[in-house]
Amino acid sequence: MTVKLAITADLAARIDALAARSNLSASDIVRDALENGRSLDWQERFLEKIAAAVEEADRRAFADTREIERVLNKYRPA
């Protein structure tokens, strides 16, 4: 089913930017918003948090050795 919508240039730009950042199509972004109730604001904040976490990991500020060991020990068989 194809649906055509009249949206503002600003909204179209936000959708296109989200699509480019997430390697999805504009249709995928809109479909996700409609199917899962994820607003564009939510999707933008989600991608910003992911980008910040990746930068933190790249700086090796993500977790120290003790934190990593604690998580590994939590899931190791007894």
PDB file of N, CA and C in Angstrom:
ATOM      1  N   MET A   1       0.837  -1.172   0.000  1.00  0.00           N
ATOM      2  CA  MET A   1       0.000   0.000   0.000  1.00  0.00           C
ATOM      3  C   MET A   1       0.884   1.237   0.000  1.00  0.00           C
ATOM      4  N   THR A   2       0.586   2.151  -0.834  1.00  0.00           N
ATOM      5  CA  THR A   2       1.327   3.402  -0.903  1.00  0.00           C
ATOM      6  C   THR A   2       0.446   4.526  -0.383  1.00  0.00           C
ATOM      7  N   VAL A   3       1.010   5.340   0.506  1.00  0.00           N
ATOM      8  CA  VAL A   3       0.301   6.480   1.067  1.00  0.00           C
ATOM      9  C   VAL A   3       1.142   7.715   0.797  1.00  0.00           C
ATOM     10  N   LYS A   4       0.509   8.769   0.349  1.00  0.00           N
ATOM     11  CA  LYS A   4       1.224  10.031   0.141  1.00  0.00           C
ATOM     12  C   LYS A   4       0.804  11.013   1.220  1.00  0.00           C
ATOM     13  N   LEU A   5       1.785  11.697   1.781  1.00  0.00           N
ATOM     14  CA  LEU A   5       1.539  12.673   2.834  1.00  0.00           C
ATOM     15  C   LEU A   5       2.122  14.014   2.444  1.00  0.00           C
ATOM     16  N   ALA A   6       1.455  15.067   2.831  1.00  0.00           N
ATOM     17  CA  ALA A   6       2.004  16.410   2.668  1.00  0.00           C
ATOM     18  C   ALA A   6       2.658  16.785   3.998  1.00  0.00           C
ATOM     19  N   ILE A   7       3.975  16.957   3.988  1.00  0.00           N
ATOM     20  CA  ILE A   7       4.695  17.319   5.210  1.00  0.00           C
ATOM     21  C   ILE A   7       5.545  18.551   4.934  1.00  0.00           C
ATOM     22  N   THR A   8       5.946  19.209   6.004  1.00  0.00           N
ATOM     23  CA  THR A   8       6.760  20.411   5.856  1.00  0.00           C
ATOM     24  C   THR A   8       8.169  20.046   5.397  1.00  0.00           C
ATOM     25  N   ALA A   9       8.850  21.018   4.851  1.00  0.00           N
ATOM     26  CA  ALA A   9      10.231  20.809   4.412  1.00  0.00           C
ATOM     27  C   ALA A   9      11.120  20.456   5.604  1.00  0.00           C
ATOM     28  N   ASP A  10      10.845  21.075   6.758  1.00  0.00           N
ATOM     29  CA  ASP A  10      11.630  20.793   7.963  1.00  0.00           C
ATOM     30  C   ASP A  10      11.457  19.339   8.397  1.00  0.00           C
ATOM     31  N   LEU A  11      10.226  18.859   8.389  1.00  0.00           N
ATOM     32  CA  LEU A  11       9.965  17.472   8.767  1.00  0.00           C
ATOM     33  C   LEU A  11      10.608  16.504   7.777  1.00  0.00           C
ATOM     34  N   ALA A  12      10.517  16.813   6.503  1.00  0.00           N
ATOM     35  CA  ALA A  12      11.149  15.967   5.480  1.00  0.00           C
ATOM     36  C   ALA A  12      12.660  15.926   5.680  1.00  0.00           C
ATOM     37  N   ALA A  13      13.248  17.065   6.027  1.00  0.00           N
ATOM     38  CA  ALA A  13      14.695  17.124   6.252  1.00  0.00           C
ATOM     39  C   ALA A  13      15.086  16.279   7.460  1.00  0.00           C
ATOM     40  N   ARG A  14      14.280  16.321   8.522  1.00  0.00           N
ATOM     41  CA  ARG A  14      14.565  15.511   9.713  1.00  0.00           C
ATOM     42  C   ARG A  14      14.480  14.027   9.391  1.00  0.00           C
ATOM     43  N   ILE A  15      13.467  13.641   8.627  1.00  0.00           N
ATOM     44  CA  ILE A  15      13.314  12.236   8.238  1.00  0.00           C
ATOM     45  C   ILE A  15      14.493  11.799   7.385  1.00  0.00           C
ATOM     46  N   ASP A  16      14.873  12.624   6.424  1.00  0.00           N
ATOM     47  CA  ASP A  16      16.009  12.294   5.558  1.00  0.00           C
ATOM     48  C   ASP A  16      17.305  12.184   6.355  1.00  0.00           C
ATOM     49  N   ALA A  17      17.495  13.085   7.323  1.00  0.00           N
ATOM     50  CA  ALA A  17      18.708  13.045   8.151  1.00  0.00           C
ATOM     51  C   ALA A  17      18.745  11.769   8.992  1.00  0.00           C
ATOM     52  N   LEU A  18      17.613  11.402   9.579  1.00  0.00           N
ATOM     53  CA  LEU A  18      17.551  10.156  10.348  1.00  0.00           C
ATOM     54  C   LEU A  18      17.829   8.955   9.460  1.00  0.00           C
ATOM     55  N   ALA A  19      17.261   8.963   8.278  1.00  0.00           N
ATOM     56  CA  ALA A  19      17.468   7.851   7.347  1.00  0.00           C
ATOM     57  C   ALA A  19      18.948   7.715   6.999  1.00  0.00           C
ATOM     58  N   ALA A  20      19.594   8.833   6.724  1.00  0.00           N
ATOM     59  CA  ALA A  20      21.010   8.802   6.356  1.00  0.00           C
ATOM     60  C   ALA A  20      21.870   8.312   7.520  1.00  0.00           C
ATOM     61  N   ARG A  21      21.575   8.783   8.739  1.00  0.00           N
ATOM     62  CA  ARG A  21      22.366   8.398   9.910  1.00  0.00           C
ATOM     63  C   ARG A  21      22.198   6.934  10.273  1.00  0.00           C
ATOM     64  N   SER A  22      21.040   6.370   9.957  1.00  0.00           N
ATOM     65  CA  SER A  22      20.760   4.998  10.379  1.00  0.00           C
ATOM     66  C   SER A  22      20.801   3.991   9.240  1.00  0.00           C
ATOM     67  N   ASN A  23      21.206   4.442   8.059  1.00  0.00           N
ATOM     68  CA  ASN A  23      21.265   3.569   6.874  1.00  0.00           C
ATOM     69  C   ASN A  23      19.923   2.916   6.568  1.00  0.00           C
ATOM     70  N   LEU A  24      18.858   3.658   6.766  1.00  0.00           N
ATOM     71  CA  LEU A  24      17.507   3.214   6.450  1.00  0.00           C
ATOM     72  C   LEU A  24      16.919   4.160   5.413  1.00  0.00           C
ATOM     73  N   SER A  25      15.813   3.764   4.841  1.00  0.00           N
ATOM     74  CA  SER A  25      15.120   4.656   3.910  1.00  0.00           C
ATOM     75  C   SER A  25      14.191   5.573   4.703  1.00  0.00           C
ATOM     76  N   ALA A  26      13.778   6.653   4.079  1.00  0.00           N
ATOM     77  CA  ALA A  26      12.809   7.545   4.715  1.00  0.00           C
ATOM     78  C   ALA A  26      11.528   6.776   5.026  1.00  0.00           C
ATOM     79  N   SER A  27      11.140   5.879   4.137  1.00  0.00           N
ATOM     80  CA  SER A  27       9.949   5.052   4.375  1.00  0.00           C
ATOM     81  C   SER A  27      10.118   4.193   5.619  1.00  0.00           C
ATOM     82  N   ASP A  28      11.324   3.646   5.821  1.00  0.00           N
ATOM     83  CA  ASP A  28      11.589   2.833   7.015  1.00  0.00           C
ATOM     84  C   ASP A  28      11.422   3.663   8.289  1.00  0.00           C
ATOM     85  N   ILE A  29      11.901   4.902   8.260  1.00  0.00           N
ATOM     86  CA  ILE A  29      11.802   5.784   9.425  1.00  0.00           C
ATOM     87  C   ILE A  29      10.341   6.057   9.756  1.00  0.00           C
ATOM     88  N   VAL A  30       9.566   6.411   8.748  1.00  0.00           N
ATOM     89  CA  VAL A  30       8.147   6.711   8.962  1.00  0.00           C
ATOM     90  C   VAL A  30       7.395   5.451   9.386  1.00  0.00           C
ATOM     91  N   ARG A  31       7.689   4.328   8.762  1.00  0.00           N
ATOM     92  CA  ARG A  31       7.035   3.063   9.120  1.00  0.00           C
ATOM     93  C   ARG A  31       7.319   2.712  10.581  1.00  0.00           C
ATOM     94  N   ASP A  32       8.572   2.861  11.009  1.00  0.00           N
ATOM     95  CA  ASP A  32       8.929   2.571  12.393  1.00  0.00           C
ATOM     96  C   ASP A  32       8.154   3.477  13.348  1.00  0.00           C
ATOM     97  N   ALA A  33       8.046   4.742  12.987  1.00  0.00           N
ATOM     98  CA  ALA A  33       7.304   5.681  13.831  1.00  0.00           C
ATOM     99  C   ALA A  33       5.843   5.269  13.956  1.00  0.00           C
ATOM    100  N   LEU A  34       5.252   4.861  12.852  1.00  0.00           N
ATOM    101  CA  LEU A  34       3.838   4.481  12.869  1.00  0.00           C
ATOM    102  C   LEU A  34       3.607   3.130  13.540  1.00  0.00           C
ATOM    103  N   GLU A  35       4.451   2.154  13.245  1.00  0.00           N
ATOM    104  CA  GLU A  35       4.245   0.810  13.786  1.00  0.00           C
ATOM    105  C   GLU A  35       4.584   0.707  15.267  1.00  0.00           C
ATOM    106  N   ASN A  36       5.602   1.432  15.698  1.00  0.00           N
ATOM    107  CA  ASN A  36       6.113   1.266  17.057  1.00  0.00           C
ATOM    108  C   ASN A  36       5.929   2.485  17.946  1.00  0.00           C
ATOM    109  N   GLY A  37       5.298   3.509  17.423  1.00  0.00           N
ATOM    110  CA  GLY A  37       5.060   4.709  18.218  1.00  0.00           C
ATOM    111  C   GLY A  37       6.324   5.466  18.566  1.00  0.00           C
ATOM    112  N   ARG A  38       7.332   5.352  17.712  1.00  0.00           N
ATOM    113  CA  ARG A  38       8.602   6.041  17.966  1.00  0.00           C
ATOM    114  C   ARG A  38       8.608   7.358  17.203  1.00  0.00           C
ATOM    115  N   SER A  39       8.460   8.439  17.927  1.00  0.00           N
ATOM    116  CA  SER A  39       8.438   9.752  17.291  1.00  0.00           C
ATOM    117  C   SER A  39       9.801  10.073  16.689  1.00  0.00           C
ATOM    118  N   LEU A  40       9.819  11.070  15.829  1.00  0.00           N
ATOM    119  CA  LEU A  40      11.108  11.501  15.275  1.00  0.00           C
ATOM    120  C   LEU A  40      12.020  11.992  16.382  1.00  0.00           C
ATOM    121  N   ASP A  41      11.456  12.692  17.375  1.00  0.00           N
ATOM    122  CA  ASP A  41      12.265  13.142  18.512  1.00  0.00           C
ATOM    123  C   ASP A  41      12.911  11.955  19.215  1.00  0.00           C
ATOM    124  N   TRP A  42      12.131  10.891  19.451  1.00  0.00           N
ATOM    125  CA  TRP A  42      12.657   9.700  20.104  1.00  0.00           C
ATOM    126  C   TRP A  42      13.775   9.097  19.271  1.00  0.00           C
ATOM    127  N   GLN A  43      13.549   8.961  17.970  1.00  0.00           N
ATOM    128  CA  GLN A  43      14.550   8.360  17.094  1.00  0.00           C
ATOM    129  C   GLN A  43      15.821   9.209  17.046  1.00  0.00           C
ATOM    130  N   GLU A  44      15.666  10.535  17.013  1.00  0.00           N
ATOM    131  CA  GLU A  44      16.839  11.420  17.006  1.00  0.00           C
ATOM    132  C   GLU A  44      17.626  11.283  18.305  1.00  0.00           C
ATOM    133  N   ARG A  45      16.935  11.283  19.441  1.00  0.00           N
ATOM    134  CA  ARG A  45      17.621  11.135  20.737  1.00  0.00           C
ATOM    135  C   ARG A  45      18.311   9.781  20.844  1.00  0.00           C
ATOM    136  N   PHE A  46      17.655   8.729  20.345  1.00  0.00           N
ATOM    137  CA  PHE A  46      18.235   7.390  20.369  1.00  0.00           C
ATOM    138  C   PHE A  46      19.556   7.366  19.610  1.00  0.00           C
ATOM    139  N   LEU A  47      19.574   7.911  18.395  1.00  0.00           N
ATOM    140  CA  LEU A  47      20.801   7.923  17.599  1.00  0.00           C
ATOM    141  C   LEU A  47      21.875   8.794  18.237  1.00  0.00           C
ATOM    142  N   GLU A  48      21.474   9.902  18.877  1.00  0.00           N
ATOM    143  CA  GLU A  48      22.447  10.748  19.572  1.00  0.00           C
ATOM    144  C   GLU A  48      23.090   9.989  20.735  1.00  0.00           C
ATOM    145  N   LYS A  49      22.288   9.230  21.474  1.00  0.00           N
ATOM    146  CA  LYS A  49      22.829   8.446  22.592  1.00  0.00           C
ATOM    147  C   LYS A  49      23.772   7.356  22.096  1.00  0.00           C
ATOM    148  N   ILE A  50      23.424   6.718  21.003  1.00  0.00           N
ATOM    149  CA  ILE A  50      24.298   5.688  20.426  1.00  0.00           C
ATOM    150  C   ILE A  50      25.617   6.315  19.993  1.00  0.00           C
ATOM    151  N   ALA A  51      25.551   7.453  19.308  1.00  0.00           N
ATOM    152  CA  ALA A  51      26.769   8.126  18.849  1.00  0.00           C
ATOM    153  C   ALA A  51      27.644   8.520  20.038  1.00  0.00           C
ATOM    154  N   ALA A  52      27.034   9.019  21.104  1.00  0.00           N
ATOM    155  CA  ALA A  52      27.795   9.403  22.297  1.00  0.00           C
ATOM    156  C   ALA A  52      28.447   8.182  22.941  1.00  0.00           C
ATOM    157  N   ALA A  53      27.736   7.068  22.988  1.00  0.00           N
ATOM    158  CA  ALA A  53      28.296   5.846  23.572  1.00  0.00           C
ATOM    159  C   ALA A  53      29.453   5.313  22.738  1.00  0.00           C
ATOM    160  N   VAL A  54      29.343   5.395  21.427  1.00  0.00           N
ATOM    161  CA  VAL A  54      30.434   4.950  20.550  1.00  0.00           C
ATOM    162  C   VAL A  54      31.659   5.832  20.757  1.00  0.00           C
ATOM    163  N   GLU A  55      31.456   7.149  20.849  1.00  0.00           N
ATOM    164  CA  GLU A  55      32.580   8.062  21.097  1.00  0.00           C
ATOM    165  C   GLU A  55      33.237   7.747  22.441  1.00  0.00           C
ATOM    166  N   GLU A  56      32.417   7.480  23.443  1.00  0.00           N
ATOM    167  CA  GLU A  56      32.937   7.136  24.767  1.00  0.00           C
ATOM    168  C   GLU A  56      33.759   5.854  24.699  1.00  0.00           C
ATOM    169  N   ALA A  57      33.260   4.870  23.991  1.00  0.00           N
ATOM    170  CA  ALA A  57      33.990   3.607  23.842  1.00  0.00           C
ATOM    171  C   ALA A  57      35.287   3.819  23.070  1.00  0.00           C
ATOM    172  N   ASP A  58      35.250   4.645  22.039  1.00  0.00           N
ATOM    173  CA  ASP A  58      36.459   4.930  21.262  1.00  0.00           C
ATOM    174  C   ASP A  58      37.527   5.608  22.111  1.00  0.00           C
ATOM    175  N   ARG A  59      37.102   6.408  23.089  1.00  0.00           N
ATOM    176  CA  ARG A  59      38.051   7.076  23.998  1.00  0.00           C
ATOM    177  C   ARG A  59      38.486   6.137  25.124  1.00  0.00           C
ATOM    178  N   ARG A  60      37.954   4.915  25.087  1.00  0.00           N
ATOM    179  CA  ARG A  60      38.201   3.917  26.129  1.00  0.00           C
ATOM    180  C   ARG A  60      37.701   4.398  27.488  1.00  0.00           C
ATOM    181  N   ALA A  61      36.659   5.219  27.466  1.00  0.00           N
ATOM    182  CA  ALA A  61      36.049   5.711  28.696  1.00  0.00           C
ATOM    183  C   ALA A  61      34.751   4.966  28.982  1.00  0.00           C
ATOM    184  N   PHE A  62      34.517   3.912  28.242  1.00  0.00           N
ATOM    185  CA  PHE A  62      33.261   3.168  28.324  1.00  0.00           C
ATOM    186  C   PHE A  62      33.162   2.380  29.623  1.00  0.00           C
ATOM    187  N   ALA A  63      34.189   1.637  29.934  1.00  0.00           N
ATOM    188  CA  ALA A  63      34.218   0.842  31.166  1.00  0.00           C
ATOM    189  C   ALA A  63      35.671   0.540  31.493  1.00  0.00           C
ATOM    190  N   ASP A  64      35.979   0.535  32.794  1.00  0.00           N
ATOM    191  CA  ASP A  64      37.349   0.181  33.158  1.00  0.00           C
ATOM    192  C   ASP A  64      37.444  -1.337  33.320  1.00  0.00           C
ATOM    193  N   THR A  65      38.646  -1.812  33.547  1.00  0.00           N
ATOM    194  CA  THR A  65      38.900  -3.250  33.618  1.00  0.00           C
ATOM    195  C   THR A  65      38.064  -3.925  34.700  1.00  0.00           C
ATOM    196  N   ARG A  66      37.928  -3.275  35.861  1.00  0.00           N
ATOM    197  CA  ARG A  66      37.125  -3.860  36.946  1.00  0.00           C
ATOM    198  C   ARG A  66      35.660  -4.005  36.545  1.00  0.00           C
ATOM    199  N   GLU A  67      35.122  -2.999  35.879  1.00  0.00           N
ATOM    200  CA  GLU A  67      33.719  -3.072  35.457  1.00  0.00           C
ATOM    201  C   GLU A  67      33.504  -4.187  34.436  1.00  0.00           C
ATOM    202  N   ILE A  68      34.432  -4.320  33.519  1.00  0.00           N
ATOM    203  CA  ILE A  68      34.330  -5.386  32.512  1.00  0.00           C
ATOM    204  C   ILE A  68      34.420  -6.748  33.183  1.00  0.00           C
ATOM    205  N   GLU A  69      35.356  -6.906  34.100  1.00  0.00           N
ATOM    206  CA  GLU A  69      35.519  -8.178  34.810  1.00  0.00           C
ATOM    207  C   GLU A  69      34.267  -8.516  35.621  1.00  0.00           C
ATOM    208  N   ARG A  70      33.669  -7.515  36.252  1.00  0.00           N
ATOM    209  CA  ARG A  70      32.445  -7.736  37.033  1.00  0.00           C
ATOM    210  C   ARG A  70      31.325  -8.263  36.139  1.00  0.00           C
ATOM    211  N   VAL A  71      31.155  -7.684  34.968  1.00  0.00           N
ATOM    212  CA  VAL A  71      30.110  -8.136  34.043  1.00  0.00           C
ATOM    213  C   VAL A  71      30.419  -9.537  33.530  1.00  0.00           C
ATOM    214  N   LEU A  72      31.678  -9.780  33.163  1.00  0.00           N
ATOM    215  CA  LEU A  72      32.050 -11.114  32.689  1.00  0.00           C
ATOM    216  C   LEU A  72      31.803 -12.171  33.759  1.00  0.00           C
ATOM    217  N   ASN A  73      32.168 -11.868  34.998  1.00  0.00           N
ATOM    218  CA  ASN A  73      31.964 -12.820  36.089  1.00  0.00           C
ATOM    219  C   ASN A  73      30.485 -13.083  36.347  1.00  0.00           C
ATOM    220  N   LYS A  74      29.676 -12.088  36.128  1.00  0.00           N
ATOM    221  CA  LYS A  74      28.234 -12.239  36.335  1.00  0.00           C
ATOM    222  C   LYS A  74      27.648 -13.310  35.415  1.00  0.00           C
ATOM    223  N   TYR A  75      28.197 -13.432  34.217  1.00  0.00           N
ATOM    224  CA  TYR A  75      27.638 -14.349  33.226  1.00  0.00           C
ATOM    225  C   TYR A  75      28.471 -15.608  32.997  1.00  0.00           C
ATOM    226  N   ARG A  76      29.563 -15.751  33.727  1.00  0.00           N
ATOM    227  CA  ARG A  76      30.367 -16.973  33.615  1.00  0.00           C
ATOM    228  C   ARG A  76      29.681 -18.101  34.362  1.00  0.00           C
ATOM    229  N   PRO A  77      29.764 -19.314  33.808  1.00  0.00           N
ATOM    230  CA  PRO A  77      29.181 -20.450  34.537  1.00  0.00           C
ATOM    231  C   PRO A  77      29.918 -20.672  35.851  1.00  0.00           C
ATOM    232  N   ALA A  78      29.194 -21.118  36.842  1.00  0.00           N
ATOM    233  CA  ALA A  78      29.785 -21.338  38.176  1.00  0.00           C
ATOM    234  C   ALA A  78      30.682 -22.550  38.191  1.00  0.00           C
TER     235      ALA A  78
END
